[in-house]
Every structure is written in structure tokens, then in C-alpha cells.
Amino acid sequence: MRLMLYNMRYATGTGFKFHLPFPFGGFFRKTDKNLDALIRFFRTQKADVLGLVEIDSGSYRAGHRSQADVIARHLGKRSFCRSKYSYLSWWSRLPLMRKQANACISGQSVIRERTHFLRKGVKRLVMELELEDVVIFIVHLALGRSCREAQLADLARLAKNARKPYLIAGDFNAFAGKVELKAFMDALDLSSANLSDLPTFPSQAPRWQLDFILHSPGIRVTHFEVARGVRLSDHLPLICDFEIRPAAVSASA
């Protein structure tokens, strides 16, 4: 099975033009052209599941259409898209902000999809997608380190309830890299698919490993890459091929 993780920056693009006519001005422009380029890229990679961080669920910049639905329709898959802000957050009341979301797009049969919200932070969403033999969690953690530590504690409690082998994929905003996740990974006996600790941000000159695909012992990674040279966002996409170990399938049956 192939999982792709990508923080796609709402399909607003990247580079020098993103900051014209004012810093971060690209966040407010229409996204159709960049979304078309992303769809072409996704089609070439043939991922079974896409975990997409920072996706627009239907604001004016996306033509009031859910980017997740558009991508899923072009790829012949099913979309699951949720706002990254909790229902009680005042951010969810602002016209543009409430359309900022994360998504899972699956070509595999989905048994169950659940939405969780961590107790701290502005971005609190955890998406849980249960497939036949595996559970996939998609996250986007806080910028503040102390807040991330609290979020990781909540995330560990969620992951421990998984009834099958699982992966946790997302933008962890861990500017200290994998060392920042050591206690979390040790507590769950997790491994990183990115064995070489390749950086994922910024896409034009990667320096930090902010994006991770972590997996439980019941999963064996057969191929992993950070797609260097793909500059459709300020992050680089992660591509992970994996299989479920036979013993893990028997244990979860």
C-alpha cells in the first residue's frame, strides 16, 4: 500500500510571487491553477491513501468548492475532509479560517472514519481512518513546543486504542526534528519511515524535518522518499510504501 503525506498549503503555491503584493499575500489568491498542478502530481504517484494537511474545504479562493472533493473526483477516490479547528474555537467562526482543513483521500475501502480534537492548541484536529488491515492518523500539530508536548500526550492516548497496526502521519512542526519526538515514539514503540531523517521544509531549500510518517511495529516499510524538486507548496511530499506483517494481521483479527 502507498501512503502520501503532503502539507499542500491550501494550494496557494510558494516562491517569491507568493509574497506579492505583500508578505503572505498568496494566501488570499484563487487556487485553481495550483490545484490542477497538484492533481497532476498526485495522479503520477498513484497513492492508495493521501493524507493532506492544509487543504481548503470551500472558501472563495477555492471557488467555494472543497479541494478534497475535487481531488478525489479526479483520482477516482473517496474524500474525508474536516476543519482543523474545534467546533468551539472562534477560528471556526471566521469565513476563511473555518474552511481551512485537513483531509484523507482513499482508494481503499474505509471501515470507519473518526474525528478527534486534542485538548490544547489552535490546530487540534486528528483524523482517524480505519481500513481493512491498518489505521491511519493524520495530524497537524501546534507551533509552540510546550503545546506540542501536550498534544503528543493526547495523541499517544488515542493511538494506544488502535485495534490494528497504524501509522501517524502529519506536519508535526518539530523544528528540533525527530529528537523532539523521542519520548512519544518510545512510549508507543514507533519507528519513522524516514530512516535518513531527510528534511521536508522549506521545499526550495529543505533544512528541517517537520513532516513525519511514523508506524507501529506491525508495519514494514518497503519504500520511502521525500519528493525533492516538487515545489507546489512550502513543504515537500512524503511517499511511503508499506505492508502489514502477517503476525500483525493475525493479532488484529
Protein backbone atom coordinates (compact mmCIF):
# COMPACT_ATOMS: atom_id res chain seq x y z
CA MET A 1 0.00 0.00 0.00
CA ARG A 2 1.19 3.52 -0.72
CA LEU A 3 0.56 6.48 1.60
CA MET A 4 1.42 10.02 0.57
CA LEU A 5 1.56 12.82 3.12
CA TYR A 6 1.57 16.40 1.88
CA ASN A 7 1.11 19.75 3.55
CA MET A 8 -0.23 21.45 0.41
CA ARG A 9 -0.61 24.98 1.83
CA TYR A 10 -4.21 25.23 0.62
CA ALA A 11 -2.90 25.03 -2.98
CA THR A 12 -1.79 28.65 -2.70
CA GLY A 13 1.69 27.92 -4.07
CA THR A 14 5.12 29.03 -2.97
CA GLY A 15 8.15 31.03 -4.09
CA PHE A 16 8.83 34.74 -4.40
CA LYS A 17 5.47 35.53 -6.03
CA PHE A 18 3.66 34.13 -3.00
CA HIS A 19 4.71 37.26 -1.10
CA LEU A 20 3.39 39.74 -3.67
CA PRO A 21 1.95 42.36 -3.44
CA PHE A 22 2.55 41.98 0.34
CA PRO A 23 4.04 39.30 2.63
CA PHE A 24 1.99 36.07 2.51
CA GLY A 25 -0.37 37.68 0.01
CA GLY A 26 -0.61 34.36 -1.80
CA PHE A 27 -2.86 33.02 0.94
CA PHE A 28 -5.67 35.23 -0.38
CA ARG A 29 -5.46 34.44 -4.10
CA LYS A 30 -7.53 31.96 -6.11
CA THR A 31 -6.06 28.44 -6.18
CA ASP A 32 -7.41 26.76 -9.34
CA LYS A 33 -4.11 26.75 -11.27
CA ASN A 34 -2.06 25.39 -8.39
CA LEU A 35 -4.71 22.79 -7.56
CA ASP A 36 -4.59 21.50 -11.15
CA ALA A 37 -0.81 21.08 -10.83
CA LEU A 38 -1.23 19.21 -7.54
CA ILE A 39 -3.79 16.86 -9.08
CA ARG A 40 -1.42 16.07 -11.94
CA PHE A 41 1.30 15.26 -9.44
CA PHE A 42 -0.98 13.10 -7.31
CA ARG A 43 -2.07 11.16 -10.38
CA THR A 44 1.53 10.26 -11.25
CA GLN A 45 2.24 8.92 -7.75
CA LYS A 46 -0.76 6.53 -7.62
CA ALA A 47 -1.06 6.61 -3.83
CA ASP A 48 -3.73 4.42 -2.26
CA VAL A 49 -4.27 6.97 0.50
CA LEU A 50 -3.39 10.66 0.57
CA GLY A 51 -3.08 12.47 3.89
CA LEU A 52 -3.41 16.16 3.04
CA VAL A 53 -2.63 18.88 5.56
CA GLU A 54 -3.73 22.48 4.90
CA ILE A 55 -6.50 21.96 2.36
CA ASP A 56 -9.34 24.37 1.58
CA SER A 57 -12.80 22.91 2.16
CA GLY A 58 -14.65 25.55 0.14
CA SER A 59 -13.70 29.19 0.66
CA TYR A 60 -13.82 31.88 -2.03
CA ARG A 61 -10.20 31.17 -3.01
CA ALA A 62 -11.21 27.61 -3.99
CA GLY A 63 -14.31 28.79 -5.82
CA HIS A 64 -16.47 27.63 -2.88
CA ARG A 65 -15.64 24.01 -3.75
CA SER A 66 -13.95 21.56 -1.45
CA GLN A 67 -10.45 20.93 -2.77
CA ALA A 68 -10.63 17.45 -1.23
CA ASP A 69 -13.75 16.61 -3.25
CA VAL A 70 -12.19 17.97 -6.44
CA ILE A 71 -9.01 15.93 -5.94
CA ALA A 72 -10.94 12.77 -5.05
CA ARG A 73 -13.17 13.09 -8.10
CA HIS A 74 -10.19 13.44 -10.45
CA LEU A 75 -8.43 10.46 -8.85
CA GLY A 76 -11.49 8.25 -8.59
CA LYS A 77 -11.25 8.05 -4.80
CA ARG A 78 -13.31 8.99 -1.74
CA SER A 79 -12.62 12.11 0.32
CA PHE A 80 -12.87 12.78 4.05
CA CYS A 81 -12.30 16.42 4.98
CA ARG A 82 -12.58 18.11 8.37
CA SER A 83 -11.90 21.63 9.70
CA LYS A 84 -8.65 21.75 11.67
CA TYR A 85 -10.26 23.96 14.34
CA SER A 86 -12.51 22.56 17.06
CA TYR A 87 -16.22 23.28 16.94
CA LEU A 88 -15.92 25.66 19.91
CA SER A 89 -12.95 27.63 18.55
CA TRP A 90 -13.60 31.22 17.50
CA TRP A 91 -11.40 30.49 14.45
CA SER A 92 -14.18 28.22 13.19
CA ARG A 93 -16.48 31.25 13.04
CA LEU A 94 -14.32 33.27 10.61
CA PRO A 95 -15.29 32.91 6.91
CA LEU A 96 -11.85 31.97 5.53
CA MET A 97 -10.43 30.22 8.58
CA ARG A 98 -13.34 27.84 9.04
CA LYS A 99 -12.65 26.42 5.59
CA GLN A 100 -9.05 25.55 6.47
CA ALA A 101 -8.96 21.80 6.91
CA ASN A 102 -7.10 18.51 6.66
CA ALA A 103 -8.22 15.58 4.54
CA CYS A 104 -7.80 11.89 3.82
CA ILE A 105 -8.44 10.72 0.28
CA SER A 106 -8.69 6.97 -0.05
CA GLY A 107 -8.91 4.49 -2.88
CA GLN A 108 -9.16 1.70 -0.31
CA SER A 109 -12.36 0.59 1.37
CA VAL A 110 -12.87 2.61 4.55
CA ILE A 111 -14.40 0.79 7.51
CA ARG A 112 -14.60 3.80 9.79
CA GLU A 113 -13.60 7.46 9.88
CA ARG A 114 -13.41 9.33 13.17
CA THR A 115 -12.64 12.93 14.12
CA HIS A 116 -10.78 13.75 17.33
CA PHE A 117 -9.76 17.08 18.82
CA LEU A 118 -6.76 17.42 21.09
CA ARG A 119 -7.25 19.37 24.28
CA LYS A 120 -4.72 22.16 23.66
CA GLY A 121 -3.67 24.36 20.76
CA VAL A 122 -5.35 26.22 17.92
CA LYS A 123 -4.91 23.37 15.43
CA ARG A 124 -6.33 20.37 17.31
CA LEU A 125 -7.67 18.01 14.66
CA VAL A 126 -6.71 14.34 14.48
CA MET A 127 -8.29 12.38 11.63
CA GLU A 128 -8.52 8.61 12.05
CA LEU A 129 -9.14 6.42 9.02
CA GLU A 130 -9.62 2.69 9.62
CA LEU A 131 -9.01 0.45 6.61
CA GLU A 132 -9.22 -3.33 6.43
CA ASP A 133 -5.80 -4.04 7.95
CA VAL A 134 -4.46 -0.67 9.08
CA VAL A 135 -5.42 2.57 10.85
CA ILE A 136 -4.07 5.91 9.63
CA PHE A 137 -3.98 9.04 11.79
CA ILE A 138 -3.44 12.46 10.14
CA VAL A 139 -2.28 15.36 12.33
CA HIS A 140 -1.09 18.97 12.19
CA LEU A 141 0.44 19.99 15.48
CA ALA A 142 0.98 23.37 17.15
CA LEU A 143 3.87 25.74 16.55
CA GLY A 144 4.64 26.14 20.25
CA ARG A 145 6.79 23.35 21.69
CA SER A 146 5.11 23.12 25.10
CA CYS A 147 1.71 22.93 23.40
CA ARG A 148 3.02 20.21 21.04
CA GLU A 149 4.19 18.17 24.02
CA ALA A 150 0.68 18.26 25.49
CA GLN A 151 -0.78 17.37 22.09
CA LEU A 152 1.60 14.42 21.73
CA ALA A 153 0.46 13.10 25.11
CA ASP A 154 -3.16 13.23 23.92
CA LEU A 155 -2.18 11.65 20.60
CA ALA A 156 -0.42 8.79 22.39
CA ARG A 157 -3.61 8.00 24.32
CA LEU A 158 -5.58 7.91 21.07
CA ALA A 159 -3.07 5.71 19.27
CA LYS A 160 -3.00 3.18 22.11
CA ASN A 161 -6.67 2.46 21.40
CA ALA A 162 -5.97 1.44 17.78
CA ARG A 163 -7.14 -2.12 17.16
CA LYS A 164 -4.85 -2.65 14.19
CA PRO A 165 -1.33 -1.74 13.06
CA TYR A 166 -1.25 2.01 12.50
CA LEU A 167 0.58 4.95 11.01
CA ILE A 168 0.65 8.51 12.32
CA ALA A 169 1.38 10.98 9.54
CA GLY A 170 1.40 14.74 9.53
CA ASP A 171 3.09 18.08 9.93
CA PHE A 172 4.44 17.86 13.48
CA ASN A 173 6.09 21.32 13.33
CA ALA A 174 9.01 19.71 15.18
CA PHE A 175 11.79 22.19 14.43
CA ALA A 176 14.16 20.16 16.62
CA GLY A 177 13.49 17.16 14.39
CA LYS A 178 13.00 13.56 15.47
CA VAL A 179 14.77 14.12 18.79
CA GLU A 180 11.74 16.13 19.88
CA LEU A 181 9.50 13.09 19.27
CA LYS A 182 11.73 10.53 21.01
CA ALA A 183 9.67 10.14 24.19
CA PHE A 184 6.45 9.92 22.19
CA MET A 185 7.90 7.34 19.79
CA ASP A 186 9.48 5.29 22.58
CA ALA A 187 6.22 5.18 24.54
CA LEU A 188 4.39 3.69 21.53
CA ASP A 189 7.34 1.73 20.10
CA LEU A 190 7.04 3.72 16.87
CA SER A 191 9.55 3.91 14.02
CA SER A 192 9.97 6.64 11.43
CA ALA A 193 9.64 5.75 7.76
CA ASN A 194 12.25 8.45 7.11
CA LEU A 195 15.29 6.48 8.28
CA SER A 196 17.73 9.05 6.88
CA ASP A 197 15.97 11.97 8.60
CA LEU A 198 15.67 13.83 5.31
CA PRO A 199 14.44 17.44 5.72
CA THR A 200 10.99 18.36 4.42
CA PHE A 201 10.78 22.15 4.84
CA PRO A 202 11.08 24.60 3.16
CA SER A 203 10.65 22.99 -0.22
CA GLN A 204 13.07 25.26 -2.09
CA ALA A 205 15.99 24.62 0.28
CA PRO A 206 14.98 21.99 2.86
CA ARG A 207 16.52 22.43 6.31
CA TRP A 208 14.04 20.99 8.83
CA GLN A 209 12.24 17.70 9.18
CA LEU A 210 8.75 18.92 10.11
CA ASP A 211 6.72 16.21 8.40
CA PHE A 212 6.73 12.61 9.58
CA ILE A 213 5.24 9.22 8.82
CA LEU A 214 5.55 7.10 11.97
CA HIS A 215 4.43 3.49 12.17
CA SER A 216 3.75 0.78 14.72
CA PRO A 217 5.78 -2.49 14.84
CA GLY A 218 3.17 -4.39 12.80
CA ILE A 219 4.08 -2.43 9.67
CA ARG A 220 7.09 -2.92 7.41
CA VAL A 221 8.12 -0.02 5.18
CA THR A 222 9.24 -1.22 1.76
CA HIS A 223 9.99 2.18 0.18
CA PHE A 224 10.19 5.75 1.40
CA GLU A 225 11.09 9.02 -0.24
CA VAL A 226 10.85 12.75 0.24
CA ALA A 227 9.95 14.03 -3.23
CA ARG A 228 12.69 16.61 -3.73
CA GLY A 229 12.12 19.11 -6.51
CA VAL A 230 8.34 19.21 -6.03
CA ARG A 231 7.67 22.87 -5.29
CA LEU A 232 3.90 23.07 -5.26
CA SER A 233 3.91 24.01 -1.56
CA ASP A 234 6.36 25.23 1.06
CA HIS A 235 6.62 21.61 2.30
CA LEU A 236 7.83 18.55 0.41
CA PRO A 237 5.60 15.49 -0.04
CA LEU A 238 6.41 12.21 1.71
CA ILE A 239 5.77 8.92 -0.10
CA CYS A 240 5.69 5.67 1.84
CA ASP A 241 5.08 2.13 0.57
CA PHE A 242 4.35 -0.37 3.31
CA GLU A 243 2.93 -3.78 4.07
CA ILE A 244 1.35 -5.34 7.14
CA ARG A 245 3.37 -8.06 8.79
CA PRO A 246 1.45 -11.38 8.74
CA ALA A 247 1.65 -11.78 12.51
CA ALA A 248 0.10 -8.34 12.97
CA VAL A 249 -2.84 -9.25 10.72
CA SER A 250 -3.50 -12.38 12.79
CA ALA A 251 -3.26 -10.48 16.06
CA SER A 252 -5.81 -7.83 14.99
CA ALA A 253 -8.30 -10.32 13.52
